[in-house]
Amino acid sequence: MAGDDGVGYCSDITRCVWTGGAPPAEAAEVYAVLHEAQRAACAAATVGTPCEAVDAEARSRIAAAGWGERFIHRTGHGIGIEEHEDPYVVAGNTTPLEPGHAFSVEPGIYVQGEFGFRLEDIVVATADGPEELNRADHALVVVDA
């Protein structure tokens, strides 16, 4: 969306596709863990919550399922005029979310040489709770290839 000054706003979304028929049980399990972690982190993104607490929500669920070492990046980043900007949703960022903060929630789990999954939505912190802007289905899409 561009204003009169020609400046637009960025967005992000990530969904996953498995090719070659049904995924193996391990991959399906990992995807379920990731989906749960992403949903929990989105729900935790309330006004006043430190960015690191949103990261911890996703990270703790992935770690509890035994995949913590496979989550190798931050949970998210602010988005607006720039694709990556403050606030960064990462351990160590104690900045509390403010009304109007727009940011990604995008945990990932990567098993080298086998598969990797990331789910990403844009969330806006509001006084009424987190507002998720993406409406695309989160289900793992399976494609015969």
N, C-alpha and C. Protein backbone atom coordinates (compact mmCIF):
# COMPACT_ATOMS: atom_id res chain seq x y z
N MET A 1 0.84 -1.15 0.00
CA MET A 1 0.00 0.00 0.00
C MET A 1 0.90 1.23 0.00
N ALA A 2 0.77 2.09 -0.95
CA ALA A 2 1.63 3.27 -1.04
C ALA A 2 0.80 4.53 -0.81
N GLY A 3 1.39 5.45 -0.06
CA GLY A 3 0.75 6.74 0.19
C GLY A 3 1.07 7.72 -0.92
N ASP A 4 0.63 8.98 -0.76
CA ASP A 4 0.88 10.01 -1.76
C ASP A 4 2.37 10.27 -1.95
N ASP A 5 3.16 9.97 -0.93
CA ASP A 5 4.60 10.21 -1.01
C ASP A 5 5.34 9.05 -1.67
N GLY A 6 4.61 8.00 -2.09
CA GLY A 6 5.21 6.86 -2.75
C GLY A 6 5.81 5.84 -1.80
N VAL A 7 5.70 6.08 -0.50
CA VAL A 7 6.25 5.15 0.47
C VAL A 7 5.22 4.06 0.74
N GLY A 8 5.65 2.82 0.69
CA GLY A 8 4.76 1.70 0.94
C GLY A 8 5.09 1.03 2.25
N TYR A 9 4.29 0.07 2.62
CA TYR A 9 4.50 -0.71 3.83
C TYR A 9 4.78 -2.15 3.44
N CYS A 10 5.63 -2.77 4.21
CA CYS A 10 6.03 -4.15 3.95
C CYS A 10 5.13 -5.13 4.68
N SER A 11 5.18 -6.37 4.23
CA SER A 11 4.52 -7.47 4.92
C SER A 11 5.34 -8.72 4.70
N ASP A 12 5.01 -9.76 5.43
CA ASP A 12 5.71 -11.05 5.35
C ASP A 12 4.71 -12.16 5.64
N ILE A 13 4.94 -13.31 5.06
CA ILE A 13 4.16 -14.50 5.37
C ILE A 13 4.99 -15.71 4.93
N THR A 14 4.95 -16.77 5.72
CA THR A 14 5.60 -18.02 5.33
C THR A 14 4.65 -19.17 5.65
N ARG A 15 4.45 -20.05 4.68
CA ARG A 15 3.73 -21.28 4.86
C ARG A 15 4.58 -22.41 4.30
N CYS A 16 4.24 -23.64 4.61
CA CYS A 16 5.08 -24.78 4.25
C CYS A 16 4.36 -25.76 3.33
N VAL A 17 5.16 -26.37 2.45
CA VAL A 17 4.67 -27.37 1.51
C VAL A 17 5.60 -28.58 1.61
N TRP A 18 5.02 -29.77 1.66
CA TRP A 18 5.78 -31.02 1.62
C TRP A 18 5.51 -31.65 0.27
N THR A 19 6.57 -31.95 -0.48
CA THR A 19 6.39 -32.56 -1.80
C THR A 19 6.75 -34.04 -1.74
N GLY A 20 6.14 -34.81 -2.63
CA GLY A 20 6.46 -36.23 -2.74
C GLY A 20 5.59 -37.13 -1.90
N GLY A 21 4.37 -36.73 -1.66
CA GLY A 21 3.46 -37.57 -0.88
C GLY A 21 3.49 -37.22 0.60
N ALA A 22 2.86 -38.06 1.38
CA ALA A 22 2.72 -37.81 2.82
C ALA A 22 4.08 -37.69 3.49
N PRO A 23 4.23 -36.73 4.41
CA PRO A 23 5.50 -36.58 5.12
C PRO A 23 5.72 -37.73 6.09
N PRO A 24 6.99 -38.06 6.38
CA PRO A 24 7.25 -39.08 7.40
C PRO A 24 6.74 -38.61 8.76
N ALA A 25 6.52 -39.55 9.66
CA ALA A 25 5.95 -39.24 10.98
C ALA A 25 6.76 -38.17 11.71
N GLU A 26 8.09 -38.24 11.65
CA GLU A 26 8.92 -37.26 12.35
C GLU A 26 8.66 -35.85 11.83
N ALA A 27 8.58 -35.69 10.53
CA ALA A 27 8.33 -34.37 9.95
C ALA A 27 6.95 -33.85 10.35
N ALA A 28 5.95 -34.71 10.33
CA ALA A 28 4.61 -34.30 10.74
C ALA A 28 4.59 -33.89 12.21
N GLU A 29 5.32 -34.61 13.05
CA GLU A 29 5.42 -34.27 14.47
C GLU A 29 6.08 -32.91 14.66
N VAL A 30 7.17 -32.69 13.95
CA VAL A 30 7.89 -31.41 14.05
C VAL A 30 6.98 -30.27 13.61
N TYR A 31 6.24 -30.47 12.54
CA TYR A 31 5.35 -29.42 12.06
C TYR A 31 4.27 -29.10 13.10
N ALA A 32 3.74 -30.11 13.75
CA ALA A 32 2.72 -29.89 14.78
C ALA A 32 3.31 -29.10 15.95
N VAL A 33 4.52 -29.42 16.35
CA VAL A 33 5.20 -28.67 17.43
C VAL A 33 5.39 -27.22 17.01
N LEU A 34 5.86 -27.02 15.79
CA LEU A 34 6.09 -25.66 15.29
C LEU A 34 4.79 -24.87 15.25
N HIS A 35 3.73 -25.49 14.77
CA HIS A 35 2.44 -24.80 14.68
C HIS A 35 1.97 -24.38 16.07
N GLU A 36 2.07 -25.28 17.03
CA GLU A 36 1.68 -24.94 18.40
C GLU A 36 2.53 -23.79 18.95
N ALA A 37 3.82 -23.84 18.72
CA ALA A 37 4.72 -22.79 19.21
C ALA A 37 4.40 -21.44 18.58
N GLN A 38 4.12 -21.45 17.29
CA GLN A 38 3.81 -20.20 16.59
C GLN A 38 2.49 -19.61 17.09
N ARG A 39 1.50 -20.45 17.30
CA ARG A 39 0.19 -19.98 17.79
C ARG A 39 0.35 -19.39 19.20
N ALA A 40 1.12 -20.08 20.06
CA ALA A 40 1.31 -19.61 21.43
C ALA A 40 2.05 -18.28 21.45
N ALA A 41 3.05 -18.13 20.60
CA ALA A 41 3.80 -16.87 20.56
C ALA A 41 2.92 -15.73 20.07
N CYS A 42 2.08 -15.99 19.07
CA CYS A 42 1.16 -14.95 18.60
C CYS A 42 0.23 -14.52 19.73
N ALA A 43 -0.31 -15.48 20.46
CA ALA A 43 -1.23 -15.18 21.56
C ALA A 43 -0.54 -14.42 22.69
N ALA A 44 0.75 -14.65 22.88
CA ALA A 44 1.51 -14.00 23.96
C ALA A 44 1.88 -12.56 23.64
N ALA A 45 1.70 -12.14 22.40
CA ALA A 45 2.17 -10.83 21.95
C ALA A 45 1.19 -9.72 22.32
N THR A 46 1.02 -9.52 23.61
CA THR A 46 0.11 -8.50 24.11
C THR A 46 0.86 -7.23 24.47
N VAL A 47 0.15 -6.11 24.47
CA VAL A 47 0.74 -4.83 24.84
C VAL A 47 1.36 -4.96 26.23
N GLY A 48 2.59 -4.46 26.35
CA GLY A 48 3.30 -4.50 27.62
C GLY A 48 4.19 -5.72 27.79
N THR A 49 4.00 -6.74 26.97
CA THR A 49 4.84 -7.94 27.05
C THR A 49 6.20 -7.64 26.43
N PRO A 50 7.29 -7.95 27.12
CA PRO A 50 8.61 -7.75 26.51
C PRO A 50 8.78 -8.64 25.28
N CYS A 51 9.47 -8.13 24.29
CA CYS A 51 9.71 -8.91 23.06
C CYS A 51 10.35 -10.25 23.38
N GLU A 52 11.28 -10.27 24.34
CA GLU A 52 11.97 -11.53 24.67
C GLU A 52 10.99 -12.57 25.24
N ALA A 53 9.90 -12.14 25.85
CA ALA A 53 8.92 -13.09 26.38
C ALA A 53 8.14 -13.76 25.26
N VAL A 54 7.89 -13.05 24.17
CA VAL A 54 7.22 -13.65 23.01
C VAL A 54 8.15 -14.68 22.38
N ASP A 55 9.44 -14.33 22.25
CA ASP A 55 10.43 -15.27 21.76
C ASP A 55 10.48 -16.51 22.65
N ALA A 56 10.50 -16.29 23.96
CA ALA A 56 10.59 -17.40 24.91
C ALA A 56 9.37 -18.32 24.82
N GLU A 57 8.21 -17.77 24.53
CA GLU A 57 6.99 -18.59 24.40
C GLU A 57 7.16 -19.61 23.29
N ALA A 58 7.63 -19.17 22.14
CA ALA A 58 7.84 -20.11 21.03
C ALA A 58 9.00 -21.05 21.35
N ARG A 59 10.09 -20.49 21.81
CA ARG A 59 11.31 -21.26 22.04
C ARG A 59 11.11 -22.35 23.10
N SER A 60 10.38 -22.02 24.18
CA SER A 60 10.20 -23.00 25.26
C SER A 60 9.37 -24.19 24.80
N ARG A 61 8.38 -23.96 23.97
CA ARG A 61 7.55 -25.07 23.47
C ARG A 61 8.34 -25.97 22.52
N ILE A 62 9.17 -25.36 21.69
CA ILE A 62 10.00 -26.14 20.77
C ILE A 62 11.04 -26.93 21.56
N ALA A 63 11.65 -26.30 22.56
CA ALA A 63 12.66 -26.98 23.39
C ALA A 63 12.03 -28.13 24.18
N ALA A 64 10.84 -27.91 24.72
CA ALA A 64 10.17 -28.95 25.52
C ALA A 64 9.88 -30.20 24.69
N ALA A 65 9.71 -30.02 23.39
CA ALA A 65 9.45 -31.15 22.50
C ALA A 65 10.75 -31.79 22.00
N GLY A 66 11.89 -31.24 22.44
CA GLY A 66 13.18 -31.83 22.07
C GLY A 66 13.81 -31.27 20.81
N TRP A 67 13.30 -30.16 20.30
CA TRP A 67 13.80 -29.59 19.06
C TRP A 67 14.48 -28.24 19.25
N GLY A 68 14.78 -27.86 20.48
CA GLY A 68 15.33 -26.54 20.77
C GLY A 68 16.58 -26.19 20.01
N GLU A 69 17.48 -27.15 19.83
CA GLU A 69 18.73 -26.88 19.11
C GLU A 69 18.50 -26.67 17.62
N ARG A 70 17.32 -26.99 17.16
CA ARG A 70 17.00 -26.85 15.73
C ARG A 70 16.26 -25.54 15.42
N PHE A 71 16.05 -24.72 16.44
CA PHE A 71 15.45 -23.40 16.26
C PHE A 71 16.60 -22.41 16.35
N ILE A 72 17.10 -21.95 15.20
CA ILE A 72 18.39 -21.28 15.14
C ILE A 72 18.33 -19.79 14.80
N HIS A 73 17.18 -19.17 14.91
CA HIS A 73 17.07 -17.74 14.60
C HIS A 73 16.08 -17.09 15.56
N ARG A 74 15.96 -15.77 15.48
CA ARG A 74 15.00 -15.07 16.33
C ARG A 74 13.58 -15.43 15.94
N THR A 75 12.66 -15.15 16.84
CA THR A 75 11.25 -15.45 16.57
C THR A 75 10.63 -14.45 15.62
N GLY A 76 11.11 -13.21 15.63
CA GLY A 76 10.49 -12.25 14.73
C GLY A 76 11.18 -10.90 14.70
N HIS A 77 10.59 -10.01 13.91
CA HIS A 77 11.13 -8.67 13.70
C HIS A 77 9.99 -7.71 13.43
N GLY A 78 10.23 -6.46 13.76
CA GLY A 78 9.26 -5.43 13.40
C GLY A 78 9.16 -5.31 11.89
N ILE A 79 8.04 -4.78 11.45
CA ILE A 79 7.83 -4.62 10.01
C ILE A 79 7.02 -3.35 9.80
N GLY A 80 7.33 -2.63 8.76
CA GLY A 80 6.63 -1.37 8.46
C GLY A 80 7.19 -0.79 7.18
N ILE A 81 7.87 0.34 7.29
CA ILE A 81 8.52 0.93 6.13
C ILE A 81 9.66 0.03 5.66
N GLU A 82 10.35 -0.59 6.61
CA GLU A 82 11.42 -1.55 6.31
C GLU A 82 10.89 -2.96 6.55
N GLU A 83 11.44 -3.93 5.81
CA GLU A 83 11.02 -5.32 5.99
C GLU A 83 11.48 -5.88 7.33
N HIS A 84 12.64 -5.43 7.80
CA HIS A 84 13.17 -5.84 9.11
C HIS A 84 13.53 -4.57 9.88
N GLU A 85 12.82 -4.33 10.99
CA GLU A 85 13.07 -3.16 11.82
C GLU A 85 12.66 -3.48 13.25
N ASP A 86 12.88 -2.55 14.16
CA ASP A 86 12.45 -2.72 15.55
C ASP A 86 10.92 -2.82 15.59
N PRO A 87 10.37 -3.55 16.54
CA PRO A 87 11.05 -4.26 17.61
C PRO A 87 11.43 -5.68 17.16
N TYR A 88 12.62 -6.12 17.56
CA TYR A 88 13.07 -7.48 17.27
C TYR A 88 12.58 -8.41 18.36
N VAL A 89 11.93 -9.49 17.97
CA VAL A 89 11.37 -10.47 18.90
C VAL A 89 12.43 -11.55 19.10
N VAL A 90 13.28 -11.30 20.11
CA VAL A 90 14.47 -12.12 20.30
C VAL A 90 14.88 -12.07 21.77
N ALA A 91 15.53 -13.13 22.24
CA ALA A 91 16.05 -13.15 23.61
C ALA A 91 16.95 -11.95 23.83
N GLY A 92 16.80 -11.31 25.00
CA GLY A 92 17.61 -10.16 25.34
C GLY A 92 16.97 -8.82 25.02
N ASN A 93 15.90 -8.81 24.21
CA ASN A 93 15.21 -7.55 23.91
C ASN A 93 14.08 -7.37 24.91
N THR A 94 14.32 -6.52 25.90
CA THR A 94 13.34 -6.29 26.96
C THR A 94 12.31 -5.22 26.61
N THR A 95 12.37 -4.70 25.39
CA THR A 95 11.41 -3.68 24.96
C THR A 95 9.99 -4.22 25.06
N PRO A 96 9.12 -3.54 25.80
CA PRO A 96 7.72 -4.00 25.86
C PRO A 96 6.97 -3.63 24.58
N LEU A 97 6.09 -4.51 24.15
CA LEU A 97 5.26 -4.22 22.98
C LEU A 97 4.33 -3.06 23.30
N GLU A 98 4.19 -2.15 22.34
CA GLU A 98 3.31 -0.99 22.48
C GLU A 98 2.18 -1.09 21.47
N PRO A 99 1.05 -0.45 21.76
CA PRO A 99 -0.04 -0.45 20.78
C PRO A 99 0.46 0.06 19.43
N GLY A 100 0.14 -0.67 18.39
CA GLY A 100 0.56 -0.29 17.04
C GLY A 100 1.84 -0.95 16.57
N HIS A 101 2.61 -1.57 17.48
CA HIS A 101 3.79 -2.30 17.01
C HIS A 101 3.33 -3.40 16.05
N ALA A 102 3.93 -3.43 14.88
CA ALA A 102 3.66 -4.49 13.90
C ALA A 102 4.94 -5.30 13.77
N PHE A 103 4.81 -6.64 13.80
CA PHE A 103 6.00 -7.49 13.83
C PHE A 103 5.64 -8.89 13.35
N SER A 104 6.66 -9.63 12.95
CA SER A 104 6.45 -11.01 12.54
C SER A 104 6.59 -11.92 13.74
N VAL A 105 5.92 -13.06 13.66
CA VAL A 105 6.11 -14.18 14.59
C VAL A 105 6.40 -15.36 13.69
N GLU A 106 7.68 -15.82 13.68
CA GLU A 106 8.10 -16.79 12.68
C GLU A 106 9.12 -17.81 13.21
N PRO A 107 8.72 -18.61 14.19
CA PRO A 107 9.65 -19.65 14.63
C PRO A 107 9.90 -20.67 13.52
N GLY A 108 11.01 -21.37 13.63
CA GLY A 108 11.34 -22.39 12.64
C GLY A 108 12.08 -23.55 13.29
N ILE A 109 11.97 -24.70 12.67
CA ILE A 109 12.70 -25.89 13.09
C ILE A 109 13.32 -26.48 11.82
N TYR A 110 14.65 -26.72 11.89
CA TYR A 110 15.40 -27.15 10.71
C TYR A 110 16.21 -28.39 11.02
N VAL A 111 16.01 -29.45 10.26
CA VAL A 111 16.77 -30.69 10.41
C VAL A 111 17.62 -30.81 9.15
N GLN A 112 18.91 -30.51 9.30
CA GLN A 112 19.82 -30.43 8.16
C GLN A 112 19.78 -31.70 7.32
N GLY A 113 19.66 -31.50 6.02
CA GLY A 113 19.66 -32.60 5.07
C GLY A 113 18.34 -33.34 4.96
N GLU A 114 17.35 -32.95 5.79
CA GLU A 114 16.06 -33.65 5.76
C GLU A 114 14.89 -32.72 5.46
N PHE A 115 14.70 -31.70 6.30
CA PHE A 115 13.60 -30.76 6.10
C PHE A 115 13.78 -29.55 7.02
N GLY A 116 13.04 -28.52 6.71
CA GLY A 116 12.98 -27.34 7.57
C GLY A 116 11.61 -26.71 7.43
N PHE A 117 11.10 -26.22 8.55
CA PHE A 117 9.78 -25.60 8.55
C PHE A 117 9.84 -24.25 9.24
N ARG A 118 9.10 -23.29 8.73
CA ARG A 118 8.92 -22.00 9.39
C ARG A 118 7.49 -21.56 9.11
N LEU A 119 6.84 -21.03 10.13
CA LEU A 119 5.51 -20.45 9.99
C LEU A 119 5.61 -18.98 10.38
N GLU A 120 5.10 -18.12 9.53
CA GLU A 120 5.23 -16.68 9.79
C GLU A 120 3.92 -15.95 9.54
N ASP A 121 3.57 -15.13 10.52
CA ASP A 121 2.44 -14.22 10.40
C ASP A 121 2.88 -12.85 10.88
N ILE A 122 2.18 -11.83 10.43
CA ILE A 122 2.37 -10.48 10.94
C ILE A 122 1.30 -10.23 11.99
N VAL A 123 1.73 -9.69 13.12
CA VAL A 123 0.86 -9.42 14.26
C VAL A 123 0.99 -7.94 14.62
N VAL A 124 -0.10 -7.33 15.02
CA VAL A 124 -0.08 -5.96 15.53
C VAL A 124 -0.55 -6.01 16.97
N ALA A 125 0.24 -5.41 17.86
CA ALA A 125 -0.15 -5.31 19.26
C ALA A 125 -1.23 -4.23 19.39
N THR A 126 -2.36 -4.58 19.98
CA THR A 126 -3.44 -3.61 20.20
C THR A 126 -3.90 -3.69 21.64
N ALA A 127 -4.61 -2.69 22.08
CA ALA A 127 -5.16 -2.67 23.44
C ALA A 127 -6.12 -3.83 23.67
N ASP A 128 -6.72 -4.34 22.59
CA ASP A 128 -7.66 -5.46 22.69
C ASP A 128 -6.99 -6.82 22.53
N GLY A 129 -5.69 -6.84 22.41
CA GLY A 129 -4.95 -8.09 22.24
C GLY A 129 -4.28 -8.14 20.89
N PRO A 130 -3.51 -9.19 20.65
CA PRO A 130 -2.79 -9.30 19.38
C PRO A 130 -3.76 -9.45 18.21
N GLU A 131 -3.49 -8.72 17.15
CA GLU A 131 -4.29 -8.83 15.93
C GLU A 131 -3.42 -9.45 14.84
N GLU A 132 -3.76 -10.65 14.42
CA GLU A 132 -3.02 -11.32 13.36
C GLU A 132 -3.55 -10.85 12.01
N LEU A 133 -2.65 -10.39 11.16
CA LEU A 133 -3.07 -9.83 9.88
C LEU A 133 -3.16 -10.85 8.75
N ASN A 134 -2.42 -11.94 8.85
CA ASN A 134 -2.46 -12.96 7.80
C ASN A 134 -3.64 -13.90 8.04
N ARG A 135 -4.30 -14.28 6.97
CA ARG A 135 -5.46 -15.16 7.09
C ARG A 135 -5.26 -16.50 6.39
N ALA A 136 -4.10 -16.74 5.82
CA ALA A 136 -3.85 -17.99 5.09
C ALA A 136 -3.79 -19.16 6.06
N ASP A 137 -4.28 -20.30 5.61
CA ASP A 137 -4.30 -21.52 6.40
C ASP A 137 -2.88 -21.89 6.85
N HIS A 138 -2.75 -22.40 8.06
CA HIS A 138 -1.45 -22.80 8.61
C HIS A 138 -1.13 -24.28 8.36
N ALA A 139 -2.05 -25.02 7.80
CA ALA A 139 -1.84 -26.46 7.60
C ALA A 139 -0.67 -26.73 6.66
N LEU A 140 0.05 -27.79 6.93
CA LEU A 140 1.11 -28.25 6.04
C LEU A 140 0.45 -28.76 4.75
N VAL A 141 0.81 -28.16 3.65
CA VAL A 141 0.25 -28.56 2.36
C VAL A 141 1.09 -29.72 1.82
N VAL A 142 0.44 -30.79 1.43
CA VAL A 142 1.12 -31.96 0.89
C VAL A 142 0.83 -32.04 -0.60
N VAL A 143 1.91 -32.11 -1.38
CA VAL A 143 1.79 -32.13 -2.85
C VAL A 143 2.49 -33.38 -3.36
N ASP A 144 1.79 -34.15 -4.19
CA ASP A 144 2.43 -35.28 -4.86
C ASP A 144 3.29 -34.72 -5.98
N ALA A 145 4.55 -35.11 -5.98
CA ALA A 145 5.45 -34.58 -7.03
C ALA A 145 6.24 -35.69 -7.66
